[in-house]
C-alpha cells in the first residue's frame, strides 16, 4: 500500500495494517481443468424508480454438480483488490455442497485486476461514502440474482481483503439482506461500528491467516471483539502459517463456514487443522 492509502485507512478507523502490499495478490494459484465454467451475466440498472444505484456484472458458478435451474443456497462473493470475479471463483473449487456462487465484479480497473475503490486523492470520509454506495450496488446485484435464480433461504455474503471490508459494512448497515457473513483477511473500520447493534445482523465469521503481511491478524481480531461487545454473533478463527490468501486449512474452513448456512442451527467444527478460535 502507498503511504496515502495507509493514512486513509487510519482515517477510516482501522487497526494496524502493514504497508507490504496491496489488499489482494493479483493472481491465485492455477486451477484444475475440470473446474466448471461460470456463466457471465451483465447486470442492468434497476427498472423501477427507486433511488437505487446500478447493479454490477457478475459470474454464476454452481458447485458440486448442481443442475441449472435447481433451487440452491446462494453465496454472494466479493473478490479482493487486484483480483477479479473469475479468479475469485477458483477458491470455490472442491466446495462440498450444491450451491450457487454469485461472484461480483468490482467497478475499478486495477492493473491486471479490479478494485472496489481507489484511495488516490480521497479523504477518509470520501472513501466511506464510496463504500456505502458500493454496498447499495452489491445489494442491487443480489436482488437481481435472487429474481433470476431459484434460491433456498437468504444468501450468504463473503469477501476477501478489500471485499471483506465491504462484507462488514453490508452486514451492519443492511442487516436483513444476508443470512450469514464470512470475512477473509479483512477488517471493520471504526467509523462503521454502530453505537448499538442493529436488529437482524447476521452471524459474522472472520477467517484470517496468522502470517498475513498485508492486514495484521490483530486488526480483524479487534474487529470481531468490537462486534462481540455490541452483542453480535461474531467469531474469529486464525490459521497458523497462512499468508494473505485462501489456502490450506483456511480454505477448508472457508467452505465449511459458508456451507453451514444450508443447515440451520449448525455450527461448523472449530477444531479444523490449523484453526485457532479466539
C-alpha atoms as a PDB file:
ATOM      1  CA  UNK A   1       0.000   0.000   0.000  1.00  0.00           C
ATOM      2  CA  UNK A   2       1.076   3.574  -0.590  1.00  0.00           C
ATOM      3  CA  UNK A   3       1.587   5.932   2.373  1.00  0.00           C
ATOM      4  CA  UNK A   4      -1.548   7.793   1.173  1.00  0.00           C
ATOM      5  CA  UNK A   5      -3.614   4.603   1.337  1.00  0.00           C
ATOM      6  CA  UNK A   6      -2.328   3.778   4.825  1.00  0.00           C
ATOM      7  CA  UNK A   7      -3.195   7.290   6.017  1.00  0.00           C
ATOM      8  CA  UNK A   8      -6.716   6.942   4.654  1.00  0.00           C
ATOM      9  CA  UNK A   9      -7.164   3.566   6.315  1.00  0.00           C
ATOM     10  CA  UNK A  10      -6.219   5.217   9.566  1.00  0.00           C
ATOM     11  CA  UNK A  11      -8.767   7.951   8.863  1.00  0.00           C
ATOM     12  CA  UNK A  12     -11.403   5.297   8.310  1.00  0.00           C
ATOM     13  CA  UNK A  13     -10.542   3.970  11.744  1.00  0.00           C
ATOM     14  CA  UNK A  14      -8.883   0.634  11.078  1.00  0.00           C
ATOM     15  CA  UNK A  15      -6.409  -1.029  13.371  1.00  0.00           C
ATOM     16  CA  UNK A  16      -2.876  -1.908  12.289  1.00  0.00           C
ATOM     17  CA  UNK A  17      -2.429  -2.540   8.574  1.00  0.00           C
ATOM     18  CA  UNK A  18       1.033  -3.235   7.217  1.00  0.00           C
ATOM     19  CA  UNK A  19       2.475  -1.483   4.176  1.00  0.00           C
ATOM     20  CA  UNK A  20       3.945  -4.541   2.482  1.00  0.00           C
ATOM     21  CA  UNK A  21       1.486  -4.828  -0.398  1.00  0.00           C
ATOM     22  CA  UNK A  22      -1.914  -4.319  -1.938  1.00  0.00           C
ATOM     23  CA  UNK A  23      -5.065  -5.641  -0.360  1.00  0.00           C
ATOM     24  CA  UNK A  24      -5.055  -8.706  -2.591  1.00  0.00           C
ATOM     25  CA  UNK A  25      -2.453 -10.532  -4.667  1.00  0.00           C
ATOM     26  CA  UNK A  26      -3.202 -10.307  -8.356  1.00  0.00           C
ATOM     27  CA  UNK A  27      -3.487 -13.971  -9.282  1.00  0.00           C
ATOM     28  CA  UNK A  28      -4.497 -17.102  -7.368  1.00  0.00           C
ATOM     29  CA  UNK A  29      -2.863 -20.495  -7.930  1.00  0.00           C
ATOM     30  CA  UNK A  30      -3.645 -22.422 -11.090  1.00  0.00           C
ATOM     31  CA  UNK A  31      -6.829 -24.456 -11.056  1.00  0.00           C
ATOM     32  CA  UNK A  32      -7.705 -27.875 -12.360  1.00  0.00           C
ATOM     33  CA  UNK A  33      -9.037 -28.065 -15.928  1.00  0.00           C
ATOM     34  CA  UNK A  34     -12.123 -29.862 -14.634  1.00  0.00           C
ATOM     35  CA  UNK A  35     -13.451 -26.783 -12.809  1.00  0.00           C
ATOM     36  CA  UNK A  36     -16.963 -25.886 -14.041  1.00  0.00           C
ATOM     37  CA  UNK A  37     -17.206 -22.898 -16.349  1.00  0.00           C
ATOM     38  CA  UNK A  38     -19.066 -19.966 -14.766  1.00  0.00           C
ATOM     39  CA  UNK A  39     -21.832 -18.148 -16.582  1.00  0.00           C
ATOM     40  CA  UNK A  40     -21.248 -14.485 -17.264  1.00  0.00           C
ATOM     41  CA  UNK A  41     -24.127 -12.127 -16.508  1.00  0.00           C
ATOM     42  CA  UNK A  42     -24.095  -8.453 -17.454  1.00  0.00           C
ATOM     43  CA  UNK A  43     -26.246  -6.786 -14.826  1.00  0.00           C
ATOM     44  CA  UNK A  44     -28.576  -3.975 -15.822  1.00  0.00           C
ATOM     45  CA  UNK A  45     -29.756  -0.980 -13.789  1.00  0.00           C
ATOM     46  CA  UNK A  46     -32.930  -1.330 -11.774  1.00  0.00           C
ATOM     47  CA  UNK A  47     -36.017  -0.731 -13.885  1.00  0.00           C
ATOM     48  CA  UNK A  48     -38.174   0.930 -11.243  1.00  0.00           C
ATOM     49  CA  UNK A  49     -37.937   4.437  -9.870  1.00  0.00           C
ATOM     50  CA  UNK A  50     -36.396   3.643  -6.501  1.00  0.00           C
ATOM     51  CA  UNK A  51     -33.281   5.712  -5.703  1.00  0.00           C
ATOM     52  CA  UNK A  52     -31.033   2.665  -6.050  1.00  0.00           C
ATOM     53  CA  UNK A  53     -27.625   2.557  -7.667  1.00  0.00           C
ATOM     54  CA  UNK A  54     -26.973   0.409 -10.751  1.00  0.00           C
ATOM     55  CA  UNK A  55     -26.152  -3.221 -10.144  1.00  0.00           C
ATOM     56  CA  UNK A  56     -22.829  -4.778 -11.147  1.00  0.00           C
ATOM     57  CA  UNK A  57     -21.842  -7.565 -13.563  1.00  0.00           C
ATOM     58  CA  UNK A  58     -21.326 -10.995 -12.019  1.00  0.00           C
ATOM     59  CA  UNK A  59     -20.440 -14.600 -12.774  1.00  0.00           C
ATOM     60  CA  UNK A  60     -22.575 -17.536 -11.651  1.00  0.00           C
ATOM     61  CA  UNK A  61     -20.996 -20.847 -10.615  1.00  0.00           C
ATOM     62  CA  UNK A  62     -22.920 -23.937  -9.494  1.00  0.00           C
ATOM     63  CA  UNK A  63     -20.918 -26.183  -7.209  1.00  0.00           C
ATOM     64  CA  UNK A  64     -20.893 -29.933  -6.574  1.00  0.00           C
ATOM     65  CA  UNK A  65     -22.581 -30.743  -9.867  1.00  0.00           C
ATOM     66  CA  UNK A  66     -25.746 -28.769  -9.130  1.00  0.00           C
ATOM     67  CA  UNK A  67     -28.183 -28.663 -12.034  1.00  0.00           C
ATOM     68  CA  UNK A  68     -29.081 -25.479 -13.870  1.00  0.00           C
ATOM     69  CA  UNK A  69     -32.379 -24.159 -12.545  1.00  0.00           C
ATOM     70  CA  UNK A  70     -32.098 -26.032  -9.243  1.00  0.00           C
ATOM     71  CA  UNK A  71     -33.162 -24.285  -6.048  1.00  0.00           C
ATOM     72  CA  UNK A  72     -29.873 -23.751  -4.247  1.00  0.00           C
ATOM     73  CA  UNK A  73     -28.311 -21.823  -1.370  1.00  0.00           C
ATOM     74  CA  UNK A  74     -26.703 -18.661  -2.750  1.00  0.00           C
ATOM     75  CA  UNK A  75     -23.283 -17.235  -1.880  1.00  0.00           C
ATOM     76  CA  UNK A  76     -22.526 -13.672  -2.978  1.00  0.00           C
ATOM     77  CA  UNK A  77     -18.738 -13.334  -3.270  1.00  0.00           C
ATOM     78  CA  UNK A  78     -16.624 -10.140  -3.320  1.00  0.00           C
ATOM     79  CA  UNK A  79     -13.072 -10.554  -4.576  1.00  0.00           C
ATOM     80  CA  UNK A  80     -10.030  -8.710  -3.278  1.00  0.00           C
ATOM     81  CA  UNK A  81      -8.222  -5.753  -4.753  1.00  0.00           C
ATOM     82  CA  UNK A  82      -6.094  -6.731  -7.739  1.00  0.00           C
ATOM     83  CA  UNK A  83      -8.107  -9.883  -8.443  1.00  0.00           C
ATOM     84  CA  UNK A  84     -11.405 -10.224 -10.311  1.00  0.00           C
ATOM     85  CA  UNK A  85     -14.697 -12.097 -10.239  1.00  0.00           C
ATOM     86  CA  UNK A  86     -13.416 -15.010 -12.366  1.00  0.00           C
ATOM     87  CA  UNK A  87     -10.251 -15.650 -10.372  1.00  0.00           C
ATOM     88  CA  UNK A  88     -12.119 -15.478  -7.084  1.00  0.00           C
ATOM     89  CA  UNK A  89     -14.298 -18.395  -8.192  1.00  0.00           C
ATOM     90  CA  UNK A  90     -11.225 -20.638  -8.107  1.00  0.00           C
ATOM     91  CA  UNK A  91     -11.402 -20.570  -4.320  1.00  0.00           C
ATOM     92  CA  UNK A  92     -14.680 -22.484  -4.616  1.00  0.00           C
ATOM     93  CA  UNK A  93     -13.034 -25.477  -6.289  1.00  0.00           C
ATOM     94  CA  UNK A  94     -13.824 -28.521  -4.203  1.00  0.00           C
ATOM     95  CA  UNK A  95     -16.762 -26.840  -2.447  1.00  0.00           C
ATOM     96  CA  UNK A  96     -18.520 -29.874  -0.981  1.00  0.00           C
ATOM     97  CA  UNK A  97     -22.212 -28.988  -1.281  1.00  0.00           C
ATOM     98  CA  UNK A  98     -24.510 -27.860  -4.096  1.00  0.00           C
ATOM     99  CA  UNK A  99     -24.701 -24.070  -4.077  1.00  0.00           C
ATOM    100  CA  UNK A 100     -24.865 -21.113  -6.442  1.00  0.00           C
ATOM    101  CA  UNK A 101     -21.977 -18.658  -6.172  1.00  0.00           C
ATOM    102  CA  UNK A 102     -22.551 -15.132  -7.480  1.00  0.00           C
ATOM    103  CA  UNK A 103     -19.105 -13.591  -7.923  1.00  0.00           C
ATOM    104  CA  UNK A 104     -19.498  -9.822  -8.351  1.00  0.00           C
ATOM    105  CA  UNK A 105     -17.185  -7.673 -10.475  1.00  0.00           C
ATOM    106  CA  UNK A 106     -15.652  -4.649  -8.757  1.00  0.00           C
ATOM    107  CA  UNK A 107     -16.082  -1.405 -10.737  1.00  0.00           C
ATOM    108  CA  UNK A 108     -12.499  -0.043 -10.804  1.00  0.00           C
ATOM    109  CA  UNK A 109      -9.691  -1.143 -13.143  1.00  0.00           C
ATOM    110  CA  UNK A 110      -6.623  -2.008 -11.049  1.00  0.00           C
ATOM    111  CA  UNK A 111      -3.624  -3.182 -13.062  1.00  0.00           C
ATOM    112  CA  UNK A 112      -4.340  -6.740 -14.172  1.00  0.00           C
ATOM    113  CA  UNK A 113      -7.438  -6.961 -11.999  1.00  0.00           C
ATOM    114  CA  UNK A 114     -10.171  -4.911 -10.376  1.00  0.00           C
ATOM    115  CA  UNK A 115     -10.697  -2.917  -7.192  1.00  0.00           C
ATOM    116  CA  UNK A 116     -13.792  -1.867  -5.285  1.00  0.00           C
ATOM    117  CA  UNK A 117     -12.455   1.630  -4.734  1.00  0.00           C
ATOM    118  CA  UNK A 118      -9.252   3.605  -5.044  1.00  0.00           C
ATOM    119  CA  UNK A 119      -7.634   5.591  -2.250  1.00  0.00           C
ATOM    120  CA  UNK A 120      -5.932   8.033  -4.604  1.00  0.00           C
ATOM    121  CA  UNK A 121      -6.836  11.662  -3.958  1.00  0.00           C
ATOM    122  CA  UNK A 122      -9.631  10.875  -1.495  1.00  0.00           C
ATOM    123  CA  UNK A 123     -10.270  11.636   2.145  1.00  0.00           C
ATOM    124  CA  UNK A 124     -11.412   9.018   4.635  1.00  0.00           C
ATOM    125  CA  UNK A 125     -14.942  10.470   4.504  1.00  0.00           C
ATOM    126  CA  UNK A 126     -14.973  10.224   0.704  1.00  0.00           C
ATOM    127  CA  UNK A 127     -13.849   6.588   0.783  1.00  0.00           C
ATOM    128  CA  UNK A 128     -16.521   5.794   3.390  1.00  0.00           C
ATOM    129  CA  UNK A 129     -19.200   7.382   1.183  1.00  0.00           C
ATOM    130  CA  UNK A 130     -17.932   5.409  -1.801  1.00  0.00           C
ATOM    131  CA  UNK A 131     -18.071   2.186   0.202  1.00  0.00           C
ATOM    132  CA  UNK A 132     -21.673   2.882   1.185  1.00  0.00           C
ATOM    133  CA  UNK A 133     -22.546   3.459  -2.460  1.00  0.00           C
ATOM    134  CA  UNK A 134     -20.873   0.174  -3.364  1.00  0.00           C
ATOM    135  CA  UNK A 135     -22.892  -1.590  -0.678  1.00  0.00           C
ATOM    136  CA  UNK A 136     -26.089  -0.411  -2.374  1.00  0.00           C
ATOM    137  CA  UNK A 137     -24.851  -1.646  -5.753  1.00  0.00           C
ATOM    138  CA  UNK A 138     -23.941  -5.055  -4.319  1.00  0.00           C
ATOM    139  CA  UNK A 139     -27.412  -5.340  -2.791  1.00  0.00           C
ATOM    140  CA  UNK A 140     -28.981  -4.354  -6.142  1.00  0.00           C
ATOM    141  CA  UNK A 141     -26.895  -7.087  -7.797  1.00  0.00           C
ATOM    142  CA  UNK A 142     -28.002  -9.600  -5.168  1.00  0.00           C
ATOM    143  CA  UNK A 143     -31.649  -8.681  -5.705  1.00  0.00           C
ATOM    144  CA  UNK A 144     -31.210  -9.186  -9.447  1.00  0.00           C
ATOM    145  CA  UNK A 145     -29.655 -12.614  -8.883  1.00  0.00           C
ATOM    146  CA  UNK A 146     -32.448 -13.608  -6.490  1.00  0.00           C
ATOM    147  CA  UNK A 147     -35.037 -12.654  -9.100  1.00  0.00           C
ATOM    148  CA  UNK A 148     -33.261 -14.726 -11.742  1.00  0.00           C
ATOM    149  CA  UNK A 149     -32.276 -17.853  -9.810  1.00  0.00           C
ATOM    150  CA  UNK A 150     -34.383 -20.074  -7.501  1.00  0.00           C
ATOM    151  CA  UNK A 151     -32.776 -19.727  -4.092  1.00  0.00           C
ATOM    152  CA  UNK A 152     -33.125 -21.562  -0.799  1.00  0.00           C
ATOM    153  CA  UNK A 153     -33.174 -19.186   2.181  1.00  0.00           C
ATOM    154  CA  UNK A 154     -31.333 -15.892   2.481  1.00  0.00           C
ATOM    155  CA  UNK A 155     -27.992 -15.711   0.653  1.00  0.00           C
ATOM    156  CA  UNK A 156     -24.644 -15.719   2.394  1.00  0.00           C
ATOM    157  CA  UNK A 157     -22.125 -12.921   1.822  1.00  0.00           C
ATOM    158  CA  UNK A 158     -18.385 -13.427   1.713  1.00  0.00           C
ATOM    159  CA  UNK A 159     -15.373 -11.395   0.656  1.00  0.00           C
ATOM    160  CA  UNK A 160     -11.599 -11.371   0.725  1.00  0.00           C
ATOM    161  CA  UNK A 161      -9.396  -8.427   1.755  1.00  0.00           C
ATOM    162  CA  UNK A 162     -10.939  -5.259   0.247  1.00  0.00           C
ATOM    163  CA  UNK A 163     -14.080  -7.286  -0.489  1.00  0.00           C
ATOM    164  CA  UNK A 164     -14.175  -8.387   3.161  1.00  0.00           C
ATOM    165  CA  UNK A 165     -14.203  -4.760   4.287  1.00  0.00           C
ATOM    166  CA  UNK A 166     -17.470  -4.392   2.387  1.00  0.00           C
ATOM    167  CA  UNK A 167     -18.828  -7.571   3.995  1.00  0.00           C
ATOM    168  CA  UNK A 168     -18.658  -5.921   7.432  1.00  0.00           C
ATOM    169  CA  UNK A 169     -20.275  -2.710   6.210  1.00  0.00           C
ATOM    170  CA  UNK A 170     -23.142  -4.519   4.466  1.00  0.00           C
ATOM    171  CA  UNK A 171     -23.797  -6.885   7.387  1.00  0.00           C
ATOM    172  CA  UNK A 172     -24.098  -3.931   9.789  1.00  0.00           C
ATOM    173  CA  UNK A 173     -25.882  -1.319   7.659  1.00  0.00           C
ATOM    174  CA  UNK A 174     -28.100  -3.658   5.599  1.00  0.00           C
ATOM    175  CA  UNK A 175     -28.590  -6.415   8.159  1.00  0.00           C
ATOM    176  CA  UNK A 176     -31.650  -8.191   6.788  1.00  0.00           C
ATOM    177  CA  UNK A 177     -30.357  -8.906   3.270  1.00  0.00           C
ATOM    178  CA  UNK A 178     -27.952 -11.755   4.051  1.00  0.00           C
ATOM    179  CA  UNK A 179     -28.275 -14.722   6.383  1.00  0.00           C
ATOM    180  CA  UNK A 180     -24.569 -15.179   7.065  1.00  0.00           C
ATOM    181  CA  UNK A 181     -21.379 -13.139   6.562  1.00  0.00           C
ATOM    182  CA  UNK A 182     -17.871 -14.564   6.188  1.00  0.00           C
ATOM    183  CA  UNK A 183     -14.897 -12.204   6.075  1.00  0.00           C
ATOM    184  CA  UNK A 184     -11.496 -13.492   4.961  1.00  0.00           C
ATOM    185  CA  UNK A 185      -8.442 -11.354   5.644  1.00  0.00           C
ATOM    186  CA  UNK A 186     -10.473  -8.203   6.216  1.00  0.00           C
ATOM    187  CA  UNK A 187     -11.107  -5.522   8.803  1.00  0.00           C
ATOM    188  CA  UNK A 188     -14.029  -3.457  10.111  1.00  0.00           C
ATOM    189  CA  UNK A 189     -13.317   0.269  10.087  1.00  0.00           C
ATOM    190  CA  UNK A 190     -14.125   2.053  13.338  1.00  0.00           C
ATOM    191  CA  UNK A 191     -16.338   4.622  11.639  1.00  0.00           C
ATOM    192  CA  UNK A 192     -18.726   1.834  10.607  1.00  0.00           C
ATOM    193  CA  UNK A 193     -19.110   0.459  14.140  1.00  0.00           C
ATOM    194  CA  UNK A 194     -22.627   1.429  15.292  1.00  0.00           C
ATOM    195  CA  UNK A 195     -23.323   2.716  18.819  1.00  0.00           C
ATOM    196  CA  UNK A 196     -25.914  -0.085  19.155  1.00  0.00           C
ATOM    197  CA  UNK A 197     -26.242  -3.323  17.227  1.00  0.00           C
ATOM    198  CA  UNK A 198     -28.996  -3.049  14.593  1.00  0.00           C
ATOM    199  CA  UNK A 199     -31.732  -5.677  14.629  1.00  0.00           C
ATOM    200  CA  UNK A 200     -31.218  -8.610  12.310  1.00  0.00           C
ATOM    201  CA  UNK A 201     -27.424  -8.519  11.925  1.00  0.00           C
ATOM    202  CA  UNK A 202     -26.467 -11.970  10.598  1.00  0.00           C
ATOM    203  CA  UNK A 203     -23.856 -14.218  12.178  1.00  0.00           C
ATOM    204  CA  UNK A 204     -20.400 -12.947  11.203  1.00  0.00           C
ATOM    205  CA  UNK A 205     -17.325 -15.164  10.958  1.00  0.00           C
ATOM    206  CA  UNK A 206     -13.793 -13.876  10.365  1.00  0.00           C
ATOM    207  CA  UNK A 207     -11.064 -16.118   8.954  1.00  0.00           C
ATOM    208  CA  UNK A 208      -7.518 -14.773   8.983  1.00  0.00           C
ATOM    209  CA  UNK A 209      -4.053 -16.074   8.178  1.00  0.00           C
ATOM    210  CA  UNK A 210      -1.679 -15.956  11.122  1.00  0.00           C
ATOM    211  CA  UNK A 211       1.146 -14.801   8.835  1.00  0.00           C
ATOM    212  CA  UNK A 212      -0.825 -12.197   6.901  1.00  0.00           C
ATOM    213  CA  UNK A 213       1.687  -9.453   5.907  1.00  0.00           C
ATOM    214  CA  UNK A 214      -0.963  -7.140   4.422  1.00  0.00           C
ATOM    215  CA  UNK A 215      -3.685  -6.857   7.081  1.00  0.00           C
ATOM    216  CA  UNK A 216      -2.438  -7.745  10.541  1.00  0.00           C
ATOM    217  CA  UNK A 217      -4.384 -10.561  12.252  1.00  0.00           C
ATOM    218  CA  UNK A 218      -4.733  -8.331  15.310  1.00  0.00           C
ATOM    219  CA  UNK A 219      -6.787  -5.891  13.194  1.00  0.00           C
ATOM    220  CA  UNK A 220      -9.518  -8.387  12.410  1.00  0.00           C
ATOM    221  CA  UNK A 221      -9.321  -9.912  15.879  1.00  0.00           C
ATOM    222  CA  UNK A 222     -10.093  -6.424  17.224  1.00  0.00           C
ATOM    223  CA  UNK A 223     -12.951  -6.019  14.713  1.00  0.00           C
ATOM    224  CA  UNK A 224     -14.645  -9.159  15.993  1.00  0.00           C
ATOM    225  CA  UNK A 225     -14.079  -8.141  19.622  1.00  0.00           C
ATOM    226  CA  UNK A 226     -15.859  -4.832  18.958  1.00  0.00           C
ATOM    227  CA  UNK A 227     -18.824  -6.673  17.436  1.00  0.00           C
ATOM    228  CA  UNK A 228     -18.960  -9.153  20.314  1.00  0.00           C
ATOM    229  CA  UNK A 229     -19.002  -6.222  22.757  1.00  0.00           C
ATOM    230  CA  UNK A 230     -22.158  -4.994  20.987  1.00  0.00           C
ATOM    231  CA  UNK A 231     -23.764  -8.404  21.384  1.00  0.00           C
ATOM    232  CA  UNK A 232     -23.275  -9.639  17.808  1.00  0.00           C
ATOM    233  CA  UNK A 233     -22.993 -13.320  16.918  1.00  0.00           C
ATOM    234  CA  UNK A 234     -19.388 -12.960  15.763  1.00  0.00           C
ATOM    235  CA  UNK A 235     -16.469 -15.400  15.756  1.00  0.00           C
ATOM    236  CA  UNK A 236     -12.797 -15.156  14.834  1.00  0.00           C
ATOM    237  CA  UNK A 237     -10.649 -18.034  13.541  1.00  0.00           C
ATOM    238  CA  UNK A 238      -6.923 -17.700  12.886  1.00  0.00           C
ATOM    239  CA  UNK A 239      -4.810 -20.102  10.839  1.00  0.00           C
ATOM    240  CA  UNK A 240      -1.155 -20.549  11.613  1.00  0.00           C
ATOM    241  CA  UNK A 241       1.335 -20.187   8.746  1.00  0.00           C
ATOM    242  CA  UNK A 242      -1.315 -18.956   6.282  1.00  0.00           C
ATOM    243  CA  UNK A 243      -0.448 -15.660   4.490  1.00  0.00           C
ATOM    244  CA  UNK A 244      -2.857 -13.151   2.889  1.00  0.00           C
ATOM    245  CA  UNK A 245      -4.568 -15.841   0.844  1.00  0.00           C
ATOM    246  CA  UNK A 246      -7.281 -18.512   0.862  1.00  0.00           C
ATOM    247  CA  UNK A 247      -5.418 -21.785   1.096  1.00  0.00           C
ATOM    248  CA  UNK A 248      -4.870 -24.914   3.178  1.00  0.00           C
ATOM    249  CA  UNK A 249      -6.835 -25.168   6.408  1.00  0.00           C
ATOM    250  CA  UNK A 250      -8.230 -21.679   5.917  1.00  0.00           C
ATOM    251  CA  UNK A 251      -9.774 -22.723   2.579  1.00  0.00           C
ATOM    252  CA  UNK A 252     -11.329 -25.781   4.259  1.00  0.00           C
ATOM    253  CA  UNK A 253     -12.845 -23.508   6.915  1.00  0.00           C
ATOM    254  CA  UNK A 254     -13.984 -21.047   4.218  1.00  0.00           C
ATOM    255  CA  UNK A 255     -16.046 -23.780   2.565  1.00  0.00           C
ATOM    256  CA  UNK A 256     -17.222 -25.123   5.910  1.00  0.00           C
ATOM    257  CA  UNK A 257     -18.480 -21.788   7.221  1.00  0.00           C
ATOM    258  CA  UNK A 258     -20.380 -20.988   4.037  1.00  0.00           C
ATOM    259  CA  UNK A 259     -21.884 -24.465   3.788  1.00  0.00           C
ATOM    260  CA  UNK A 260     -23.255 -24.063   7.343  1.00  0.00           C
ATOM    261  CA  UNK A 261     -25.927 -21.710   6.005  1.00  0.00           C
ATOM    262  CA  UNK A 262     -27.695 -24.713   4.450  1.00  0.00           C
ATOM    263  CA  UNK A 263     -28.040 -26.371   7.860  1.00  0.00           C
ATOM    264  CA  UNK A 264     -29.969 -24.070  10.231  1.00  0.00           C
ATOM    265  CA  UNK A 265     -28.527 -24.120  13.723  1.00  0.00           C
ATOM    266  CA  UNK A 266     -25.389 -25.942  12.661  1.00  0.00           C
ATOM    267  CA  UNK A 267     -22.101 -24.647  13.983  1.00  0.00           C
ATOM    268  CA  UNK A 268     -19.031 -25.567  11.932  1.00  0.00           C
ATOM    269  CA  UNK A 269     -16.431 -27.508  13.861  1.00  0.00           C
ATOM    270  CA  UNK A 270     -13.898 -25.147  15.393  1.00  0.00           C
ATOM    271  CA  UNK A 271     -11.164 -27.732  15.602  1.00  0.00           C
ATOM    272  CA  UNK A 272     -10.184 -27.892  11.939  1.00  0.00           C
ATOM    273  CA  UNK A 273      -6.440 -28.404  11.471  1.00  0.00           C
ATOM    274  CA  UNK A 274      -4.583 -25.137  11.848  1.00  0.00           C
ATOM    275  CA  UNK A 275      -7.571 -23.255  13.203  1.00  0.00           C
ATOM    276  CA  UNK A 276      -7.185 -21.272  16.393  1.00  0.00           C
ATOM    277  CA  UNK A 277     -10.511 -19.781  17.546  1.00  0.00           C
ATOM    278  CA  UNK A 278     -10.001 -16.585  19.500  1.00  0.00           C
END
